[in-house]
């Protein structure tokens, strides 16, 4: 039975079937990768470009990055602290009407995290901030984007390359930063 299958696969029609199967699997994998790299829908289209242009630092909206593993997402109170002073917030045609409604109804904004690592990876923002890493190194230049997106595929090779570069010629630091237990614990 298996021999007949392999004999059929060697025929022109079998080779075409293998090619179609390969293309289908490749397309499915490419689509899966594409969808995981898309920015999720947010409750308000947060224009990073505008906020960076006003000189607002990353840690103002994401204060958890300097204190713990998660950067955190801005609370409604953080947004409102600035926007309640801006006339544009009260324009009924503005995107900010959603923020105003959330504040008036005391409903928290349900931001969707954009950059996430798998459950088996422990990424600690505080350690990276304390080491002097800039947010842009992982998240890209937010002064050029309206909606946050992943500027690159964040995978183990990408992280490990950065860790090795950070160690430089320091062998003790290289062992510590390239140890599996640094990120997988």
N, C-alpha and C. Protein backbone atom coordinates (compact mmCIF):
# COMPACT_ATOMS: atom_id res chain seq x y z
N UNK A 1 0.83 -1.20 0.00
CA UNK A 1 0.00 0.00 0.00
C UNK A 1 0.87 1.26 0.00
N UNK A 2 1.84 1.33 0.92
CA UNK A 2 2.72 2.51 1.01
C UNK A 2 3.59 2.61 -0.24
N UNK A 3 4.06 1.44 -0.73
CA UNK A 3 4.87 1.45 -1.95
C UNK A 3 4.08 2.00 -3.12
N UNK A 4 2.79 1.63 -3.21
CA UNK A 4 1.95 2.14 -4.30
C UNK A 4 1.79 3.66 -4.18
N UNK A 5 1.66 4.13 -2.93
CA UNK A 5 1.53 5.57 -2.71
C UNK A 5 2.78 6.30 -3.18
N UNK A 6 3.96 5.77 -2.80
CA UNK A 6 5.21 6.41 -3.22
C UNK A 6 5.38 6.35 -4.74
N UNK A 7 4.98 5.22 -5.33
CA UNK A 7 5.06 5.11 -6.80
C UNK A 7 4.16 6.16 -7.45
N UNK A 8 2.97 6.35 -6.88
CA UNK A 8 2.04 7.35 -7.44
C UNK A 8 2.60 8.77 -7.27
N UNK A 9 3.25 9.01 -6.10
CA UNK A 9 3.82 10.34 -5.87
C UNK A 9 4.94 10.67 -6.84
N UNK A 10 5.57 9.64 -7.41
CA UNK A 10 6.66 9.88 -8.37
C UNK A 10 6.11 10.21 -9.76
N UNK A 11 4.82 9.92 -9.96
CA UNK A 11 4.18 10.22 -11.24
C UNK A 11 3.97 11.73 -11.35
N UNK A 12 3.80 12.28 -12.55
CA UNK A 12 3.57 13.74 -12.69
C UNK A 12 2.39 14.25 -11.86
N UNK A 13 1.31 13.48 -11.86
CA UNK A 13 0.14 13.93 -11.08
C UNK A 13 0.45 13.93 -9.58
N UNK A 14 1.22 12.93 -9.14
CA UNK A 14 1.61 12.87 -7.72
C UNK A 14 2.52 14.03 -7.35
N UNK A 15 3.44 14.38 -8.24
CA UNK A 15 4.35 15.51 -7.98
C UNK A 15 3.56 16.81 -7.90
N UNK A 16 2.55 16.94 -8.75
CA UNK A 16 1.70 18.14 -8.69
C UNK A 16 0.95 18.18 -7.35
N UNK A 17 0.46 17.03 -6.91
CA UNK A 17 -0.25 16.97 -5.62
C UNK A 17 0.69 17.34 -4.47
N UNK A 18 1.93 16.85 -4.51
CA UNK A 18 2.91 17.20 -3.47
C UNK A 18 3.19 18.70 -3.51
N UNK A 19 3.33 19.25 -4.70
CA UNK A 19 3.58 20.69 -4.83
C UNK A 19 2.42 21.52 -4.28
N UNK A 20 1.19 21.10 -4.60
CA UNK A 20 0.02 21.83 -4.08
C UNK A 20 -0.04 21.71 -2.56
N UNK A 21 0.24 20.53 -2.04
CA UNK A 21 0.24 20.34 -0.58
C UNK A 21 1.30 21.21 0.09
N UNK A 22 2.50 21.26 -0.53
CA UNK A 22 3.57 22.09 0.02
C UNK A 22 3.18 23.56 0.00
N UNK A 23 2.63 24.03 -1.11
CA UNK A 23 2.21 25.43 -1.20
C UNK A 23 1.10 25.76 -0.20
N UNK A 24 0.19 24.81 0.01
CA UNK A 24 -0.88 25.04 0.98
C UNK A 24 -0.30 25.17 2.39
N UNK A 25 0.61 24.29 2.76
CA UNK A 25 1.23 24.37 4.09
C UNK A 25 2.05 25.64 4.24
N UNK A 26 2.81 26.01 3.20
CA UNK A 26 3.61 27.23 3.25
C UNK A 26 2.71 28.45 3.39
N UNK A 27 1.63 28.48 2.65
CA UNK A 27 0.69 29.62 2.73
C UNK A 27 0.06 29.71 4.11
N UNK A 28 -0.29 28.57 4.68
CA UNK A 28 -0.89 28.55 6.01
C UNK A 28 0.11 29.06 7.06
N UNK A 29 1.36 28.61 6.94
CA UNK A 29 2.39 29.07 7.89
C UNK A 29 2.65 30.57 7.73
N UNK A 30 2.72 31.04 6.49
CA UNK A 30 2.95 32.46 6.25
C UNK A 30 1.78 33.29 6.77
N UNK A 31 0.56 32.81 6.56
CA UNK A 31 -0.61 33.54 7.07
C UNK A 31 -0.59 33.57 8.60
N UNK A 32 -0.24 32.44 9.22
CA UNK A 32 -0.16 32.40 10.68
C UNK A 32 0.87 33.37 11.21
N UNK A 33 2.03 33.42 10.58
CA UNK A 33 3.08 34.36 11.00
C UNK A 33 2.61 35.80 10.78
N UNK A 34 1.96 36.05 9.66
CA UNK A 34 1.47 37.41 9.35
C UNK A 34 0.46 37.86 10.40
N UNK A 35 -0.48 36.99 10.75
CA UNK A 35 -1.51 37.40 11.71
C UNK A 35 -0.95 37.62 13.11
N UNK A 36 0.11 36.91 13.48
CA UNK A 36 0.69 37.12 14.81
C UNK A 36 1.50 38.41 14.87
N UNK A 37 1.85 38.97 13.74
CA UNK A 37 2.65 40.19 13.71
C UNK A 37 1.81 41.44 13.47
N UNK A 38 0.49 41.30 13.42
CA UNK A 38 -0.38 42.45 13.19
C UNK A 38 -0.75 43.09 14.53
N UNK A 39 -0.87 44.39 14.51
CA UNK A 39 -1.29 45.11 15.70
C UNK A 39 -2.75 44.80 15.98
N UNK A 40 -3.08 44.53 17.24
CA UNK A 40 -4.48 44.24 17.57
C UNK A 40 -5.33 45.51 17.57
N UNK A 41 -6.61 45.32 17.47
CA UNK A 41 -7.55 46.44 17.55
C UNK A 41 -7.53 46.99 18.97
N UNK A 42 -7.44 48.31 19.10
CA UNK A 42 -7.38 48.95 20.41
C UNK A 42 -8.68 49.73 20.65
N UNK A 43 -9.02 50.01 21.91
CA UNK A 43 -10.25 50.77 22.18
C UNK A 43 -10.20 52.19 21.61
N UNK A 44 -8.99 52.75 21.55
CA UNK A 44 -8.75 54.07 20.95
C UNK A 44 -7.47 53.94 20.14
N UNK A 45 -7.47 54.46 18.94
CA UNK A 45 -6.26 54.42 18.13
C UNK A 45 -5.27 55.40 18.75
N UNK A 46 -4.33 54.87 19.51
CA UNK A 46 -3.36 55.68 20.25
C UNK A 46 -2.22 56.10 19.32
N UNK A 47 -2.13 57.39 18.97
CA UNK A 47 -1.06 57.83 18.06
C UNK A 47 0.26 58.04 18.82
N UNK A 48 1.09 57.02 18.85
CA UNK A 48 2.39 57.15 19.51
C UNK A 48 3.17 58.34 18.96
N UNK A 49 3.10 58.50 17.65
CA UNK A 49 3.82 59.56 16.96
C UNK A 49 3.50 60.93 17.58
N UNK A 50 2.25 61.19 17.85
CA UNK A 50 1.83 62.47 18.42
C UNK A 50 2.36 62.63 19.84
N UNK A 51 2.23 61.59 20.63
CA UNK A 51 2.65 61.67 22.03
C UNK A 51 4.17 61.82 22.16
N UNK A 52 4.92 61.12 21.33
CA UNK A 52 6.38 61.25 21.34
C UNK A 52 6.76 62.67 20.90
N UNK A 53 6.04 63.21 19.91
CA UNK A 53 6.33 64.57 19.43
C UNK A 53 6.14 65.61 20.53
N UNK A 54 5.24 65.34 21.47
CA UNK A 54 5.04 66.26 22.60
C UNK A 54 6.09 66.05 23.69
N UNK A 55 6.99 65.10 23.49
CA UNK A 55 8.06 64.87 24.45
C UNK A 55 7.68 63.97 25.61
N UNK A 56 6.58 63.27 25.48
CA UNK A 56 6.16 62.36 26.54
C UNK A 56 7.05 61.12 26.50
N UNK A 57 7.68 60.81 27.60
CA UNK A 57 8.58 59.68 27.69
C UNK A 57 7.80 58.36 27.79
N UNK A 58 8.39 57.30 27.32
CA UNK A 58 7.75 55.97 27.35
C UNK A 58 7.30 55.60 28.75
N UNK A 59 8.16 55.87 29.73
CA UNK A 59 7.88 55.44 31.10
C UNK A 59 6.75 56.23 31.74
N UNK A 60 6.32 57.32 31.14
CA UNK A 60 5.17 58.05 31.70
C UNK A 60 3.91 57.21 31.53
N UNK A 61 3.73 56.63 30.35
CA UNK A 61 2.54 55.80 30.10
C UNK A 61 2.76 54.35 30.49
N UNK A 62 4.01 53.91 30.52
CA UNK A 62 4.33 52.52 30.86
C UNK A 62 5.28 52.49 32.06
N UNK A 63 4.83 52.98 33.22
CA UNK A 63 5.74 53.09 34.37
C UNK A 63 6.19 51.75 34.93
N UNK A 64 5.48 50.70 34.65
CA UNK A 64 5.87 49.38 35.16
C UNK A 64 7.18 48.90 34.60
N UNK A 65 7.61 49.44 33.46
CA UNK A 65 8.86 48.98 32.84
C UNK A 65 10.07 49.22 33.72
N UNK A 66 10.04 50.25 34.53
CA UNK A 66 11.20 50.53 35.40
C UNK A 66 11.05 49.90 36.77
N UNK A 67 9.87 49.32 37.05
CA UNK A 67 9.62 48.75 38.38
C UNK A 67 9.51 47.25 38.42
N UNK A 68 9.19 46.61 37.30
CA UNK A 68 8.95 45.18 37.35
C UNK A 68 9.01 44.54 35.99
N UNK A 69 8.53 43.31 35.89
CA UNK A 69 8.63 42.58 34.63
C UNK A 69 7.76 43.17 33.51
N UNK A 70 6.55 43.64 33.83
CA UNK A 70 5.64 44.11 32.80
C UNK A 70 5.68 45.64 32.69
N UNK A 71 5.70 46.14 31.48
CA UNK A 71 5.71 47.59 31.27
C UNK A 71 4.38 48.20 31.67
N UNK A 72 3.32 47.43 31.50
CA UNK A 72 1.99 47.93 31.81
C UNK A 72 1.45 48.79 30.70
N UNK A 73 0.17 48.96 30.72
CA UNK A 73 -0.52 49.78 29.73
C UNK A 73 -1.08 50.99 30.45
N UNK A 74 -1.18 52.12 29.77
CA UNK A 74 -1.63 53.33 30.46
C UNK A 74 -3.06 53.19 30.98
N UNK A 75 -3.24 53.66 32.18
CA UNK A 75 -4.58 53.64 32.76
C UNK A 75 -5.38 54.81 32.22
N UNK A 76 -6.64 54.72 32.41
CA UNK A 76 -7.54 55.80 32.01
C UNK A 76 -7.16 57.09 32.74
N UNK A 77 -6.75 56.96 34.00
CA UNK A 77 -6.36 58.13 34.80
C UNK A 77 -5.10 58.78 34.22
N UNK A 78 -4.17 57.96 33.74
CA UNK A 78 -2.95 58.50 33.13
C UNK A 78 -3.31 59.33 31.90
N UNK A 79 -4.15 58.77 31.06
CA UNK A 79 -4.57 59.48 29.84
C UNK A 79 -5.32 60.76 30.21
N UNK A 80 -6.23 60.62 31.17
CA UNK A 80 -7.08 61.74 31.52
C UNK A 80 -6.29 62.86 32.18
N UNK A 81 -5.22 62.53 32.86
CA UNK A 81 -4.39 63.53 33.50
C UNK A 81 -3.94 64.61 32.53
N UNK A 82 -3.68 64.24 31.30
CA UNK A 82 -3.30 65.22 30.28
C UNK A 82 -4.50 65.68 29.48
N UNK A 83 -5.32 64.74 29.06
CA UNK A 83 -6.37 65.07 28.11
C UNK A 83 -7.49 65.94 28.67
N UNK A 84 -7.69 65.92 29.97
CA UNK A 84 -8.75 66.77 30.51
C UNK A 84 -8.42 68.25 30.34
N UNK A 85 -7.14 68.55 30.07
CA UNK A 85 -6.71 69.93 29.88
C UNK A 85 -6.68 70.35 28.41
N UNK A 86 -7.01 69.42 27.55
CA UNK A 86 -6.90 69.69 26.12
C UNK A 86 -8.30 69.81 25.52
N UNK A 87 -8.56 70.92 24.87
CA UNK A 87 -9.89 71.20 24.32
C UNK A 87 -10.31 70.14 23.30
N UNK A 88 -9.36 69.61 22.54
CA UNK A 88 -9.65 68.61 21.51
C UNK A 88 -10.36 67.39 22.09
N UNK A 89 -10.11 67.09 23.35
CA UNK A 89 -10.72 65.94 24.01
C UNK A 89 -12.24 66.04 24.01
N UNK A 90 -12.76 67.24 24.07
CA UNK A 90 -14.20 67.44 24.20
C UNK A 90 -14.90 67.59 22.85
N UNK A 91 -14.16 67.49 21.76
CA UNK A 91 -14.74 67.54 20.42
C UNK A 91 -15.49 66.23 20.16
N UNK A 92 -16.81 66.28 19.90
CA UNK A 92 -17.57 65.04 19.72
C UNK A 92 -17.15 64.24 18.48
N UNK A 93 -16.45 64.86 17.55
CA UNK A 93 -16.01 64.15 16.35
C UNK A 93 -14.62 63.54 16.54
N UNK A 94 -13.99 63.83 17.64
CA UNK A 94 -12.63 63.35 17.88
C UNK A 94 -12.64 61.89 18.34
N UNK A 95 -11.57 61.21 18.02
CA UNK A 95 -11.37 59.84 18.51
C UNK A 95 -11.37 59.83 20.05
N UNK A 96 -11.06 60.97 20.62
CA UNK A 96 -10.97 61.06 22.08
C UNK A 96 -12.34 61.00 22.77
N UNK A 97 -13.42 61.02 22.00
CA UNK A 97 -14.75 60.89 22.61
C UNK A 97 -14.87 59.55 23.36
N UNK A 98 -14.11 58.53 22.90
CA UNK A 98 -14.13 57.24 23.59
C UNK A 98 -13.47 57.34 24.97
N UNK A 99 -12.39 58.13 25.04
CA UNK A 99 -11.74 58.36 26.33
C UNK A 99 -12.67 59.13 27.25
N UNK A 100 -13.29 60.17 26.73
CA UNK A 100 -14.21 60.98 27.54
C UNK A 100 -15.36 60.11 28.05
N UNK A 101 -15.91 59.27 27.19
CA UNK A 101 -17.02 58.40 27.60
C UNK A 101 -16.56 57.41 28.67
N UNK A 102 -15.36 56.87 28.51
CA UNK A 102 -14.84 55.92 29.50
C UNK A 102 -14.67 56.59 30.86
N UNK A 103 -14.18 57.83 30.84
CA UNK A 103 -13.99 58.57 32.09
C UNK A 103 -15.34 58.88 32.73
N UNK A 104 -16.28 59.37 31.92
CA UNK A 104 -17.59 59.74 32.45
C UNK A 104 -18.35 58.52 32.99
N UNK A 105 -18.16 57.36 32.35
CA UNK A 105 -18.84 56.13 32.79
C UNK A 105 -18.01 55.31 33.76
N UNK A 106 -16.82 55.80 34.08
CA UNK A 106 -15.90 55.10 34.97
C UNK A 106 -15.65 53.65 34.51
N UNK A 107 -15.45 53.51 33.21
CA UNK A 107 -15.14 52.20 32.61
C UNK A 107 -13.69 52.21 32.16
N UNK A 108 -12.87 51.32 32.67
CA UNK A 108 -11.46 51.32 32.27
C UNK A 108 -11.29 50.98 30.79
N UNK A 109 -10.27 51.56 30.18
CA UNK A 109 -9.95 51.24 28.79
C UNK A 109 -9.34 49.85 28.75
N UNK A 110 -9.75 49.06 27.80
CA UNK A 110 -9.25 47.69 27.67
C UNK A 110 -8.18 47.64 26.57
N UNK A 111 -6.98 48.16 26.90
CA UNK A 111 -5.88 48.13 25.94
C UNK A 111 -5.47 46.68 25.70
N UNK A 112 -5.01 46.40 24.50
CA UNK A 112 -4.55 45.06 24.15
C UNK A 112 -3.03 45.11 23.99
N UNK A 113 -2.28 44.33 24.76
CA UNK A 113 -0.82 44.36 24.62
C UNK A 113 -0.41 44.00 23.18
N UNK A 114 0.61 44.70 22.69
CA UNK A 114 1.07 44.48 21.32
C UNK A 114 2.26 43.52 21.28
N UNK A 115 3.24 43.76 22.11
CA UNK A 115 4.44 42.93 22.12
C UNK A 115 4.35 41.94 23.28
N UNK A 116 4.17 40.69 22.94
CA UNK A 116 4.05 39.67 23.99
C UNK A 116 5.03 38.54 23.68
N UNK A 117 5.52 37.92 24.72
CA UNK A 117 6.40 36.77 24.55
C UNK A 117 5.63 35.51 24.95
N UNK A 118 6.06 34.34 24.47
CA UNK A 118 5.35 33.10 24.85
C UNK A 118 5.42 32.87 26.36
N UNK A 119 4.53 32.02 26.85
CA UNK A 119 4.45 31.75 28.29
C UNK A 119 5.75 31.17 28.85
N UNK A 120 6.54 30.49 28.03
CA UNK A 120 7.76 29.87 28.55
C UNK A 120 8.94 30.84 28.57
N UNK A 121 8.70 32.10 28.26
CA UNK A 121 9.76 33.12 28.29
C UNK A 121 9.43 34.12 29.39
N UNK A 122 10.40 34.41 30.20
CA UNK A 122 10.24 35.41 31.25
C UNK A 122 11.04 36.66 30.85
N UNK A 123 10.33 37.64 30.35
CA UNK A 123 10.99 38.88 29.97
C UNK A 123 10.74 39.90 31.07
N UNK A 124 11.81 40.46 31.60
CA UNK A 124 11.69 41.43 32.67
C UNK A 124 12.10 42.81 32.18
N UNK A 125 11.13 43.70 32.05
CA UNK A 125 11.44 45.05 31.58
C UNK A 125 12.42 45.76 32.51
N UNK A 126 12.22 45.60 33.82
CA UNK A 126 13.06 46.32 34.78
C UNK A 126 14.54 46.01 34.58
N UNK A 127 14.87 44.74 34.38
CA UNK A 127 16.27 44.37 34.18
C UNK A 127 16.85 45.04 32.95
N UNK A 128 16.07 45.14 31.91
CA UNK A 128 16.56 45.76 30.67
C UNK A 128 16.69 47.28 30.81
N UNK A 129 15.73 47.90 31.50
CA UNK A 129 15.80 49.35 31.74
C UNK A 129 17.00 49.65 32.64
N UNK A 130 17.17 48.81 33.68
CA UNK A 130 18.30 49.01 34.61
C UNK A 130 19.64 48.82 33.90
N UNK A 131 19.68 47.99 32.87
CA UNK A 131 20.92 47.77 32.12
C UNK A 131 21.17 48.89 31.11
N UNK A 132 20.26 49.85 31.07
CA UNK A 132 20.46 51.00 30.18
C UNK A 132 19.95 50.80 28.77
N UNK A 133 19.14 49.77 28.56
CA UNK A 133 18.60 49.54 27.22
C UNK A 133 17.50 50.57 26.94
N UNK A 134 17.45 51.04 25.74
CA UNK A 134 16.40 51.98 25.33
C UNK A 134 15.20 51.19 24.83
N UNK A 135 14.02 51.73 25.07
CA UNK A 135 12.78 51.07 24.64
C UNK A 135 12.81 50.80 23.13
N UNK A 136 13.41 51.74 22.38
CA UNK A 136 13.44 51.64 20.92
C UNK A 136 14.19 50.42 20.43
N UNK A 137 15.12 49.92 21.23
CA UNK A 137 15.90 48.77 20.78
C UNK A 137 15.03 47.55 20.53
N UNK A 138 13.98 47.40 21.31
CA UNK A 138 13.06 46.27 21.11
C UNK A 138 11.78 46.69 20.38
N UNK A 139 11.28 47.86 20.70
CA UNK A 139 9.97 48.26 20.19
C UNK A 139 10.02 49.16 18.97
N UNK A 140 11.21 49.56 18.55
CA UNK A 140 11.32 50.40 17.38
C UNK A 140 11.11 51.87 17.71
N UNK A 141 11.22 52.69 16.71
CA UNK A 141 11.08 54.14 16.88
C UNK A 141 9.60 54.51 16.88
N UNK A 142 9.07 54.77 18.05
CA UNK A 142 7.65 55.08 18.18
C UNK A 142 7.30 56.47 17.65
N UNK A 143 8.33 57.27 17.35
CA UNK A 143 8.03 58.59 16.78
C UNK A 143 7.64 58.47 15.31
N UNK A 144 7.72 57.27 14.76
CA UNK A 144 7.40 57.08 13.35
C UNK A 144 6.12 56.27 13.14
N UNK A 145 5.50 55.83 14.22
CA UNK A 145 4.30 55.00 14.05
C UNK A 145 3.10 55.66 14.72
N UNK A 146 1.97 55.38 14.18
CA UNK A 146 0.73 55.82 14.80
C UNK A 146 0.26 54.74 15.76
N UNK A 147 0.15 53.55 15.26
CA UNK A 147 -0.29 52.42 16.08
C UNK A 147 0.93 51.55 16.38
N UNK A 148 1.10 51.18 17.64
CA UNK A 148 2.24 50.36 18.03
C UNK A 148 2.21 49.03 17.28
N UNK A 149 3.37 48.60 16.87
CA UNK A 149 3.50 47.32 16.19
C UNK A 149 4.87 46.75 16.52
N UNK A 150 5.03 45.47 16.28
CA UNK A 150 6.33 44.86 16.50
C UNK A 150 7.22 45.16 15.31
N UNK A 151 8.33 45.86 15.52
CA UNK A 151 9.18 46.20 14.38
C UNK A 151 9.95 45.00 13.85
N UNK A 152 10.08 43.96 14.64
CA UNK A 152 10.78 42.75 14.21
C UNK A 152 10.16 41.55 14.89
N UNK A 153 10.50 40.39 14.39
CA UNK A 153 10.03 39.17 15.03
C UNK A 153 10.85 38.97 16.28
N UNK A 154 10.18 38.99 17.41
CA UNK A 154 10.87 38.80 18.69
C UNK A 154 10.96 37.31 18.96
N UNK A 155 12.11 36.73 18.65
CA UNK A 155 12.29 35.31 18.92
C UNK A 155 13.60 35.10 19.69
N UNK A 156 13.87 33.84 20.01
CA UNK A 156 15.02 33.54 20.86
C UNK A 156 16.34 33.97 20.21
N UNK A 157 16.49 33.75 18.92
CA UNK A 157 17.71 34.14 18.23
C UNK A 157 17.95 35.64 18.30
N UNK A 158 16.90 36.40 18.16
CA UNK A 158 17.00 37.85 18.22
C UNK A 158 17.43 38.30 19.61
N UNK A 159 16.79 37.73 20.65
CA UNK A 159 17.15 38.08 22.03
C UNK A 159 18.58 37.66 22.34
N UNK A 160 18.93 36.43 21.94
CA UNK A 160 20.26 35.91 22.26
C UNK A 160 21.35 36.72 21.58
N UNK A 161 21.12 37.14 20.36
CA UNK A 161 22.09 37.99 19.67
C UNK A 161 22.34 39.27 20.45
N UNK A 162 21.28 39.87 20.96
CA UNK A 162 21.42 41.10 21.74
C UNK A 162 22.17 40.81 23.04
N UNK A 163 21.86 39.69 23.69
CA UNK A 163 22.53 39.34 24.94
C UNK A 163 24.03 39.13 24.70
N UNK A 164 24.37 38.46 23.62
CA UNK A 164 25.78 38.20 23.31
C UNK A 164 26.50 39.52 23.00
N UNK A 165 25.84 40.37 22.24
CA UNK A 165 26.43 41.69 21.94
C UNK A 165 26.63 42.51 23.21
N UNK A 166 25.66 42.42 24.13
CA UNK A 166 25.75 43.18 25.37
C UNK A 166 26.90 42.70 26.25
N UNK A 167 27.21 41.41 26.17
CA UNK A 167 28.29 40.86 26.99
C UNK A 167 29.66 41.31 26.50
N UNK A 168 29.77 41.50 25.19
CA UNK A 168 31.05 41.92 24.64
C UNK A 168 32.14 40.90 24.93
N UNK A 169 33.26 41.35 25.43
CA UNK A 169 34.38 40.46 25.74
C UNK A 169 34.35 39.93 27.16
N UNK A 170 33.38 40.31 27.94
CA UNK A 170 33.27 39.86 29.33
C UNK A 170 32.69 38.44 29.38
N UNK A 171 33.56 37.44 29.59
CA UNK A 171 33.16 36.03 29.55
C UNK A 171 32.16 35.68 30.66
N UNK A 172 32.37 36.25 31.83
CA UNK A 172 31.45 35.97 32.95
C UNK A 172 30.04 36.48 32.62
N UNK A 173 29.99 37.66 32.04
CA UNK A 173 28.70 38.25 31.65
C UNK A 173 28.08 37.45 30.50
N UNK A 174 28.92 36.97 29.59
CA UNK A 174 28.44 36.18 28.45
C UNK A 174 27.79 34.88 28.94
N UNK A 175 28.42 34.22 29.90
CA UNK A 175 27.86 32.97 30.45
C UNK A 175 26.51 33.26 31.10
N UNK A 176 26.44 34.32 31.86
CA UNK A 176 25.18 34.66 32.54
C UNK A 176 24.08 35.02 31.54
N UNK A 177 24.41 35.86 30.56
CA UNK A 177 23.39 36.33 29.62
C UNK A 177 22.99 35.29 28.58
N UNK A 178 23.85 34.29 28.33
CA UNK A 178 23.48 33.28 27.34
C UNK A 178 22.98 32.00 27.99
N UNK A 179 22.90 31.99 29.31
CA UNK A 179 22.36 30.83 30.01
C UNK A 179 20.85 30.73 29.77
N UNK A 180 20.37 29.53 29.50
CA UNK A 180 18.93 29.33 29.23
C UNK A 180 18.07 29.85 30.38
N UNK A 181 18.58 29.66 31.63
CA UNK A 181 17.81 30.05 32.80
C UNK A 181 17.65 31.54 32.95
N UNK A 182 18.35 32.32 32.16
CA UNK A 182 18.19 33.77 32.24
C UNK A 182 16.78 34.18 31.79
N UNK A 183 16.28 33.51 30.78
CA UNK A 183 14.95 33.87 30.25
C UNK A 183 13.90 32.77 30.43
N UNK A 184 14.35 31.54 30.65
CA UNK A 184 13.42 30.42 30.78
C UNK A 184 13.52 29.86 32.19
N UNK A 185 12.65 30.31 33.06
CA UNK A 185 12.65 29.80 34.44
C UNK A 185 11.24 29.66 34.93
